[in-house]
């Protein structure tokens, strides 16, 4: 049975994102393109087209990985942040995205227990302790694993996808794997980065009162938004989507 995303986009939400996309284009190219307000937006920037692609990809993933199927596979939500993916403001380019995708595919091919892996490369601009500033590409993917033993599956995923720590302690490194109880919500979360307001700015600092690390998310603006918009104009959807093994699953 075909599945559908739990939450669709309203016309109001799409219009709001489209207006933001036009402002981003004007910010990125306005000095050189006076007609940016009336020009057609590139497919990866046009929020109506992005919504169509996101819904189509999400349905493809949901149809392939629907837990109602008879396969004994187990589904996991995986997040991985590798320190080697961090780049400076103007260094975010299609090559960075290709490096992340190749990293995922190489590791998925190493273990036949990985049936499928699907999601997207998320992007966030980080300001750490008001000192270190960098783009941090990272992964949000749904993984179908053969093992019915949660501990065995988690060890396998950790062995394959857990990144090394950054010895300099200047950039982020993180790994998280958890079993999925809400497949619709997991797919929605994995693909949110395709939207113009998906990528965010993350600021972190040490609290003077508690001594603990504090992290807050803000909207992208200024230089990071310009860089992101220009990247979107240079890339295709497939440059950020992860699509491994879906076609091999019989539904």
C-alpha atoms as a PDB file:
ATOM      1  CA  UNK A   1       0.000   0.000   0.000  1.00  0.00           C
ATOM      2  CA  UNK A   2       1.320   3.432  -0.918  1.00  0.00           C
ATOM      3  CA  UNK A   3       2.230   5.623   1.989  1.00  0.00           C
ATOM      4  CA  UNK A   4       1.979   9.396   2.222  1.00  0.00           C
ATOM      5  CA  UNK A   5       3.727  11.944   4.342  1.00  0.00           C
ATOM      6  CA  UNK A   6       1.854  12.821   7.477  1.00  0.00           C
ATOM      7  CA  UNK A   7       2.357  16.542   6.966  1.00  0.00           C
ATOM      8  CA  UNK A   8       1.898  18.254   3.625  1.00  0.00           C
ATOM      9  CA  UNK A   9       2.755  21.868   2.846  1.00  0.00           C
ATOM     10  CA  UNK A  10       0.107  24.531   2.970  1.00  0.00           C
ATOM     11  CA  UNK A  11      -0.011  27.277   0.375  1.00  0.00           C
ATOM     12  CA  UNK A  12       0.806  29.787   3.093  1.00  0.00           C
ATOM     13  CA  UNK A  13       3.947  27.922   4.133  1.00  0.00           C
ATOM     14  CA  UNK A  14       5.126  27.531   0.543  1.00  0.00           C
ATOM     15  CA  UNK A  15       4.514  31.206  -0.236  1.00  0.00           C
ATOM     16  CA  UNK A  16       6.462  32.241   2.865  1.00  0.00           C
ATOM     17  CA  UNK A  17       9.430  30.067   1.916  1.00  0.00           C
ATOM     18  CA  UNK A  18       9.293  31.235  -1.696  1.00  0.00           C
ATOM     19  CA  UNK A  19       9.485  34.859  -0.555  1.00  0.00           C
ATOM     20  CA  UNK A  20      12.499  33.999   1.591  1.00  0.00           C
ATOM     21  CA  UNK A  21      14.150  32.237  -1.366  1.00  0.00           C
ATOM     22  CA  UNK A  22      13.693  35.350  -3.514  1.00  0.00           C
ATOM     23  CA  UNK A  23      15.213  37.527  -0.801  1.00  0.00           C
ATOM     24  CA  UNK A  24      18.150  35.134  -0.577  1.00  0.00           C
ATOM     25  CA  UNK A  25      18.681  35.284  -4.342  1.00  0.00           C
ATOM     26  CA  UNK A  26      18.565  39.067  -4.276  1.00  0.00           C
ATOM     27  CA  UNK A  27      21.077  39.095  -1.437  1.00  0.00           C
ATOM     28  CA  UNK A  28      23.371  36.676  -3.271  1.00  0.00           C
ATOM     29  CA  UNK A  29      23.132  38.182  -6.775  1.00  0.00           C
ATOM     30  CA  UNK A  30      21.303  41.497  -6.449  1.00  0.00           C
ATOM     31  CA  UNK A  31      24.316  43.683  -7.133  1.00  0.00           C
ATOM     32  CA  UNK A  32      24.877  41.938 -10.456  1.00  0.00           C
ATOM     33  CA  UNK A  33      21.262  40.982 -11.342  1.00  0.00           C
ATOM     34  CA  UNK A  34      18.806  43.835 -10.973  1.00  0.00           C
ATOM     35  CA  UNK A  35      15.983  41.717 -12.345  1.00  0.00           C
ATOM     36  CA  UNK A  36      16.383  38.981  -9.701  1.00  0.00           C
ATOM     37  CA  UNK A  37      12.897  39.696  -8.336  1.00  0.00           C
ATOM     38  CA  UNK A  38      11.229  38.731 -11.617  1.00  0.00           C
ATOM     39  CA  UNK A  39      13.642  36.049 -12.802  1.00  0.00           C
ATOM     40  CA  UNK A  40      12.565  32.390 -12.464  1.00  0.00           C
ATOM     41  CA  UNK A  41      14.232  30.734  -9.506  1.00  0.00           C
ATOM     42  CA  UNK A  42      16.545  27.744 -10.100  1.00  0.00           C
ATOM     43  CA  UNK A  43      14.819  24.408  -9.332  1.00  0.00           C
ATOM     44  CA  UNK A  44      16.908  23.861  -6.192  1.00  0.00           C
ATOM     45  CA  UNK A  45      15.914  27.305  -4.888  1.00  0.00           C
ATOM     46  CA  UNK A  46      12.244  27.431  -5.959  1.00  0.00           C
ATOM     47  CA  UNK A  47      10.389  26.232  -2.868  1.00  0.00           C
ATOM     48  CA  UNK A  48       7.419  24.870  -4.821  1.00  0.00           C
ATOM     49  CA  UNK A  49       9.731  22.636  -6.828  1.00  0.00           C
ATOM     50  CA  UNK A  50      11.725  21.698  -3.714  1.00  0.00           C
ATOM     51  CA  UNK A  51       8.498  20.641  -1.997  1.00  0.00           C
ATOM     52  CA  UNK A  52       7.595  18.385  -4.940  1.00  0.00           C
ATOM     53  CA  UNK A  53      11.020  16.737  -4.939  1.00  0.00           C
ATOM     54  CA  UNK A  54      10.979  16.292  -1.177  1.00  0.00           C
ATOM     55  CA  UNK A  55       7.538  14.675  -1.210  1.00  0.00           C
ATOM     56  CA  UNK A  56       8.507  12.353  -4.080  1.00  0.00           C
ATOM     57  CA  UNK A  57      11.740  11.280  -2.378  1.00  0.00           C
ATOM     58  CA  UNK A  58       9.995  10.821   0.972  1.00  0.00           C
ATOM     59  CA  UNK A  59       7.318   8.628  -0.590  1.00  0.00           C
ATOM     60  CA  UNK A  60      10.007   6.570  -2.318  1.00  0.00           C
ATOM     61  CA  UNK A  61      11.752   5.992   1.021  1.00  0.00           C
ATOM     62  CA  UNK A  62       8.519   5.297   2.882  1.00  0.00           C
ATOM     63  CA  UNK A  63       7.310   2.818   0.271  1.00  0.00           C
ATOM     64  CA  UNK A  64      10.635   0.955   0.340  1.00  0.00           C
ATOM     65  CA  UNK A  65      11.158   0.916   4.105  1.00  0.00           C
ATOM     66  CA  UNK A  66       7.587   0.624   5.350  1.00  0.00           C
ATOM     67  CA  UNK A  67       7.723  -1.620   8.415  1.00  0.00           C
ATOM     68  CA  UNK A  68       4.476  -3.334   7.359  1.00  0.00           C
ATOM     69  CA  UNK A  69       6.509  -5.294   4.810  1.00  0.00           C
ATOM     70  CA  UNK A  70       7.396  -8.893   5.602  1.00  0.00           C
ATOM     71  CA  UNK A  71      11.162  -8.311   5.595  1.00  0.00           C
ATOM     72  CA  UNK A  72      12.904  -8.857   8.961  1.00  0.00           C
ATOM     73  CA  UNK A  73      14.924  -5.669   8.523  1.00  0.00           C
ATOM     74  CA  UNK A  74      15.103  -3.155  11.379  1.00  0.00           C
ATOM     75  CA  UNK A  75      15.029   0.590  10.869  1.00  0.00           C
ATOM     76  CA  UNK A  76      17.391   3.054  12.540  1.00  0.00           C
ATOM     77  CA  UNK A  77      17.691   6.821  12.530  1.00  0.00           C
ATOM     78  CA  UNK A  78      21.335   7.776  12.147  1.00  0.00           C
ATOM     79  CA  UNK A  79      23.076  11.125  12.622  1.00  0.00           C
ATOM     80  CA  UNK A  80      26.791  11.490  11.927  1.00  0.00           C
ATOM     81  CA  UNK A  81      28.974  14.608  12.151  1.00  0.00           C
ATOM     82  CA  UNK A  82      32.527  14.116  10.890  1.00  0.00           C
ATOM     83  CA  UNK A  83      35.190  16.712  11.799  1.00  0.00           C
ATOM     84  CA  UNK A  84      36.846  16.389   8.383  1.00  0.00           C
ATOM     85  CA  UNK A  85      33.695  17.727   6.712  1.00  0.00           C
ATOM     86  CA  UNK A  86      33.982  21.154   8.360  1.00  0.00           C
ATOM     87  CA  UNK A  87      34.987  23.950   5.977  1.00  0.00           C
ATOM     88  CA  UNK A  88      35.412  27.710   6.107  1.00  0.00           C
ATOM     89  CA  UNK A  89      32.704  30.104   4.956  1.00  0.00           C
ATOM     90  CA  UNK A  90      33.687  30.371   1.290  1.00  0.00           C
ATOM     91  CA  UNK A  91      34.834  26.751   0.953  1.00  0.00           C
ATOM     92  CA  UNK A  92      31.355  25.197   0.876  1.00  0.00           C
ATOM     93  CA  UNK A  93      31.018  23.791  -2.646  1.00  0.00           C
ATOM     94  CA  UNK A  94      29.736  20.719  -4.562  1.00  0.00           C
ATOM     95  CA  UNK A  95      33.001  18.870  -3.912  1.00  0.00           C
ATOM     96  CA  UNK A  96      32.302  18.945  -0.171  1.00  0.00           C
ATOM     97  CA  UNK A  97      28.892  17.332  -0.730  1.00  0.00           C
ATOM     98  CA  UNK A  98      30.384  14.684  -3.025  1.00  0.00           C
ATOM     99  CA  UNK A  99      32.963  13.788  -0.373  1.00  0.00           C
ATOM    100  CA  UNK A 100      30.235  13.205   2.215  1.00  0.00           C
ATOM    101  CA  UNK A 101      28.142  11.067  -0.144  1.00  0.00           C
ATOM    102  CA  UNK A 102      31.124   8.920  -1.109  1.00  0.00           C
ATOM    103  CA  UNK A 103      31.954   8.410   2.578  1.00  0.00           C
ATOM    104  CA  UNK A 104      28.452   7.074   3.203  1.00  0.00           C
ATOM    105  CA  UNK A 105      28.351   4.768   0.190  1.00  0.00           C
ATOM    106  CA  UNK A 106      31.786   3.294   0.872  1.00  0.00           C
ATOM    107  CA  UNK A 107      30.800   2.371   4.403  1.00  0.00           C
ATOM    108  CA  UNK A 108      27.380   1.038   3.472  1.00  0.00           C
ATOM    109  CA  UNK A 109      29.022  -1.293   0.927  1.00  0.00           C
ATOM    110  CA  UNK A 110      31.402  -2.701   3.535  1.00  0.00           C
ATOM    111  CA  UNK A 111      28.714  -4.527   5.507  1.00  0.00           C
ATOM    112  CA  UNK A 112      26.049  -6.702   3.828  1.00  0.00           C
ATOM    113  CA  UNK A 113      23.883  -6.157   6.915  1.00  0.00           C
ATOM    114  CA  UNK A 114      23.122  -2.662   5.606  1.00  0.00           C
ATOM    115  CA  UNK A 115      20.096  -3.225   3.382  1.00  0.00           C
ATOM    116  CA  UNK A 116      19.380   0.400   2.574  1.00  0.00           C
ATOM    117  CA  UNK A 117      20.382   3.894   3.601  1.00  0.00           C
ATOM    118  CA  UNK A 118      18.363   6.986   2.682  1.00  0.00           C
ATOM    119  CA  UNK A 119      18.298  10.594   3.785  1.00  0.00           C
ATOM    120  CA  UNK A 120      20.138  13.827   3.106  1.00  0.00           C
ATOM    121  CA  UNK A 121      23.220  15.891   3.818  1.00  0.00           C
ATOM    122  CA  UNK A 122      22.297  18.691   6.190  1.00  0.00           C
ATOM    123  CA  UNK A 123      24.229  21.954   6.384  1.00  0.00           C
ATOM    124  CA  UNK A 124      24.702  24.274   9.339  1.00  0.00           C
ATOM    125  CA  UNK A 125      26.850  27.315   9.964  1.00  0.00           C
ATOM    126  CA  UNK A 126      28.572  27.178  13.359  1.00  0.00           C
ATOM    127  CA  UNK A 127      29.978  29.855  15.615  1.00  0.00           C
ATOM    128  CA  UNK A 128      31.825  28.158  18.452  1.00  0.00           C
ATOM    129  CA  UNK A 129      32.723  30.195  21.547  1.00  0.00           C
ATOM    130  CA  UNK A 130      32.480  33.285  19.320  1.00  0.00           C
ATOM    131  CA  UNK A 131      35.867  32.250  17.936  1.00  0.00           C
ATOM    132  CA  UNK A 132      35.731  29.338  15.496  1.00  0.00           C
ATOM    133  CA  UNK A 133      33.381  29.757  12.543  1.00  0.00           C
ATOM    134  CA  UNK A 134      32.763  26.995  10.013  1.00  0.00           C
ATOM    135  CA  UNK A 135      30.260  25.117   7.885  1.00  0.00           C
ATOM    136  CA  UNK A 136      29.484  21.676   9.304  1.00  0.00           C
ATOM    137  CA  UNK A 137      27.913  19.289   6.776  1.00  0.00           C
ATOM    138  CA  UNK A 138      26.359  16.299   8.552  1.00  0.00           C
ATOM    139  CA  UNK A 139      24.160  13.292   7.876  1.00  0.00           C
ATOM    140  CA  UNK A 140      20.591  12.471   8.784  1.00  0.00           C
ATOM    141  CA  UNK A 141      19.675   9.071   7.311  1.00  0.00           C
ATOM    142  CA  UNK A 142      17.314   6.176   7.835  1.00  0.00           C
ATOM    143  CA  UNK A 143      19.128   2.830   7.752  1.00  0.00           C
ATOM    144  CA  UNK A 144      17.551  -0.565   7.204  1.00  0.00           C
ATOM    145  CA  UNK A 145      19.632  -3.224   9.004  1.00  0.00           C
ATOM    146  CA  UNK A 146      19.278  -7.006   8.719  1.00  0.00           C
ATOM    147  CA  UNK A 147      19.909  -7.793  12.361  1.00  0.00           C
ATOM    148  CA  UNK A 148      16.913  -8.233  14.663  1.00  0.00           C
ATOM    149  CA  UNK A 149      19.224  -7.824  17.662  1.00  0.00           C
ATOM    150  CA  UNK A 150      19.303  -4.085  18.583  1.00  0.00           C
ATOM    151  CA  UNK A 151      22.692  -4.320  20.279  1.00  0.00           C
ATOM    152  CA  UNK A 152      24.271  -6.123  17.348  1.00  0.00           C
ATOM    153  CA  UNK A 153      22.788  -3.633  14.883  1.00  0.00           C
ATOM    154  CA  UNK A 154      23.935  -0.657  16.927  1.00  0.00           C
ATOM    155  CA  UNK A 155      27.473  -2.034  17.160  1.00  0.00           C
ATOM    156  CA  UNK A 156      27.494  -2.495  13.405  1.00  0.00           C
ATOM    157  CA  UNK A 157      26.281   1.056  12.767  1.00  0.00           C
ATOM    158  CA  UNK A 158      28.750   2.497  15.260  1.00  0.00           C
ATOM    159  CA  UNK A 159      31.618   0.602  13.663  1.00  0.00           C
ATOM    160  CA  UNK A 160      30.690   1.832  10.199  1.00  0.00           C
ATOM    161  CA  UNK A 161      29.487   5.381  10.700  1.00  0.00           C
ATOM    162  CA  UNK A 162      30.905   6.754  13.954  1.00  0.00           C
ATOM    163  CA  UNK A 163      33.447   9.480  13.055  1.00  0.00           C
ATOM    164  CA  UNK A 164      36.748  10.061  14.871  1.00  0.00           C
ATOM    165  CA  UNK A 165      37.001  12.781  17.489  1.00  0.00           C
ATOM    166  CA  UNK A 166      38.547  16.097  16.557  1.00  0.00           C
ATOM    167  CA  UNK A 167      41.740  16.321  18.565  1.00  0.00           C
ATOM    168  CA  UNK A 168      41.837  20.090  18.127  1.00  0.00           C
ATOM    169  CA  UNK A 169      38.386  20.389  19.753  1.00  0.00           C
ATOM    170  CA  UNK A 170      37.577  23.143  17.295  1.00  0.00           C
ATOM    171  CA  UNK A 171      34.873  21.502  15.227  1.00  0.00           C
ATOM    172  CA  UNK A 172      31.975  19.248  16.024  1.00  0.00           C
ATOM    173  CA  UNK A 173      31.992  15.468  15.993  1.00  0.00           C
ATOM    174  CA  UNK A 174      28.954  13.411  16.839  1.00  0.00           C
ATOM    175  CA  UNK A 175      27.262  10.074  16.283  1.00  0.00           C
ATOM    176  CA  UNK A 176      23.789   8.952  17.258  1.00  0.00           C
ATOM    177  CA  UNK A 177      21.781   5.876  16.286  1.00  0.00           C
ATOM    178  CA  UNK A 178      18.339   5.033  17.592  1.00  0.00           C
ATOM    179  CA  UNK A 179      15.588   2.663  16.534  1.00  0.00           C
ATOM    180  CA  UNK A 180      12.742   4.254  14.626  1.00  0.00           C
ATOM    181  CA  UNK A 181       9.245   4.207  16.057  1.00  0.00           C
ATOM    182  CA  UNK A 182       7.861   6.903  13.747  1.00  0.00           C
ATOM    183  CA  UNK A 183       9.048   6.328  10.192  1.00  0.00           C
ATOM    184  CA  UNK A 184       7.074   9.259   8.776  1.00  0.00           C
ATOM    185  CA  UNK A 185       8.617  11.659  11.267  1.00  0.00           C
ATOM    186  CA  UNK A 186      12.117  10.298  10.681  1.00  0.00           C
ATOM    187  CA  UNK A 187      11.888  10.792   6.909  1.00  0.00           C
ATOM    188  CA  UNK A 188      10.482  14.297   7.381  1.00  0.00           C
ATOM    189  CA  UNK A 189      13.390  15.181   9.639  1.00  0.00           C
ATOM    190  CA  UNK A 190      15.987  13.741   7.262  1.00  0.00           C
ATOM    191  CA  UNK A 191      14.733  15.803   4.317  1.00  0.00           C
ATOM    192  CA  UNK A 192      13.987  19.123   6.044  1.00  0.00           C
ATOM    193  CA  UNK A 193      17.387  20.422   4.937  1.00  0.00           C
ATOM    194  CA  UNK A 194      16.168  20.687   1.321  1.00  0.00           C
ATOM    195  CA  UNK A 195      13.978  23.637   2.313  1.00  0.00           C
ATOM    196  CA  UNK A 196      15.373  27.165   2.240  1.00  0.00           C
ATOM    197  CA  UNK A 197      14.859  27.440   5.999  1.00  0.00           C
ATOM    198  CA  UNK A 198      16.239  23.973   6.741  1.00  0.00           C
ATOM    199  CA  UNK A 199      19.930  24.867   7.257  1.00  0.00           C
ATOM    200  CA  UNK A 200      20.500  26.961  10.385  1.00  0.00           C
ATOM    201  CA  UNK A 201      23.179  28.882  12.237  1.00  0.00           C
ATOM    202  CA  UNK A 202      24.248  27.193  15.464  1.00  0.00           C
ATOM    203  CA  UNK A 203      26.004  29.201  18.147  1.00  0.00           C
ATOM    204  CA  UNK A 204      27.614  27.475  21.128  1.00  0.00           C
ATOM    205  CA  UNK A 205      29.363  28.781  24.210  1.00  0.00           C
ATOM    206  CA  UNK A 206      30.184  27.876  27.797  1.00  0.00           C
ATOM    207  CA  UNK A 207      27.656  29.161  30.329  1.00  0.00           C
ATOM    208  CA  UNK A 208      29.226  31.381  32.970  1.00  0.00           C
ATOM    209  CA  UNK A 209      26.721  30.210  35.578  1.00  0.00           C
ATOM    210  CA  UNK A 210      26.628  26.455  35.030  1.00  0.00           C
ATOM    211  CA  UNK A 211      29.933  25.916  33.234  1.00  0.00           C
ATOM    212  CA  UNK A 212      28.131  23.737  30.697  1.00  0.00           C
ATOM    213  CA  UNK A 213      28.113  24.011  26.934  1.00  0.00           C
ATOM    214  CA  UNK A 214      25.083  25.876  25.586  1.00  0.00           C
ATOM    215  CA  UNK A 215      23.857  25.627  22.001  1.00  0.00           C
ATOM    216  CA  UNK A 216      21.211  27.691  20.210  1.00  0.00           C
ATOM    217  CA  UNK A 217      19.921  27.666  16.638  1.00  0.00           C
ATOM    218  CA  UNK A 218      19.203  30.823  14.630  1.00  0.00           C
ATOM    219  CA  UNK A 219      18.141  31.620  11.083  1.00  0.00           C
ATOM    220  CA  UNK A 220      20.845  31.938   8.470  1.00  0.00           C
ATOM    221  CA  UNK A 221      21.558  35.482   7.364  1.00  0.00           C
ATOM    222  CA  UNK A 222      24.270  37.595   5.786  1.00  0.00           C
ATOM    223  CA  UNK A 223      27.363  35.846   4.434  1.00  0.00           C
ATOM    224  CA  UNK A 224      26.322  32.239   5.275  1.00  0.00           C
ATOM    225  CA  UNK A 225      22.948  32.705   3.541  1.00  0.00           C
ATOM    226  CA  UNK A 226      24.709  34.084   0.467  1.00  0.00           C
ATOM    227  CA  UNK A 227      27.084  31.110   0.352  1.00  0.00           C
ATOM    228  CA  UNK A 228      24.221  28.621   0.797  1.00  0.00           C
ATOM    229  CA  UNK A 229      22.143  30.241  -1.950  1.00  0.00           C
ATOM    230  CA  UNK A 230      25.032  30.191  -4.391  1.00  0.00           C
ATOM    231  CA  UNK A 231      25.685  26.544  -3.558  1.00  0.00           C
ATOM    232  CA  UNK A 232      22.052  25.691  -4.297  1.00  0.00           C
ATOM    233  CA  UNK A 233      22.399  27.360  -7.692  1.00  0.00           C
ATOM    234  CA  UNK A 234      25.441  25.194  -8.487  1.00  0.00           C
ATOM    235  CA  UNK A 235      24.011  21.845  -7.399  1.00  0.00           C
ATOM    236  CA  UNK A 236      21.198  19.414  -8.051  1.00  0.00           C
ATOM    237  CA  UNK A 237      18.955  17.693  -5.524  1.00  0.00           C
ATOM    238  CA  UNK A 238      20.884  14.463  -5.945  1.00  0.00           C
ATOM    239  CA  UNK A 239      24.027  16.181  -4.679  1.00  0.00           C
ATOM    240  CA  UNK A 240      22.503  16.245  -1.183  1.00  0.00           C
ATOM    241  CA  UNK A 241      20.279  13.165  -1.184  1.00  0.00           C
ATOM    242  CA  UNK A 242      21.479   9.774   0.050  1.00  0.00           C
ATOM    243  CA  UNK A 243      19.879   6.910  -1.863  1.00  0.00           C
ATOM    244  CA  UNK A 244      21.519   3.537  -1.216  1.00  0.00           C
ATOM    245  CA  UNK A 245      19.826   0.164  -1.761  1.00  0.00           C
ATOM    246  CA  UNK A 246      16.234   1.406  -2.125  1.00  0.00           C
ATOM    247  CA  UNK A 247      15.780  -0.075  -5.586  1.00  0.00           C
ATOM    248  CA  UNK A 248      16.886  -3.512  -4.337  1.00  0.00           C
ATOM    249  CA  UNK A 249      14.064  -3.781  -1.802  1.00  0.00           C
ATOM    250  CA  UNK A 250      10.930  -5.459  -3.073  1.00  0.00           C
ATOM    251  CA  UNK A 251       7.811  -3.767  -1.783  1.00  0.00           C
END
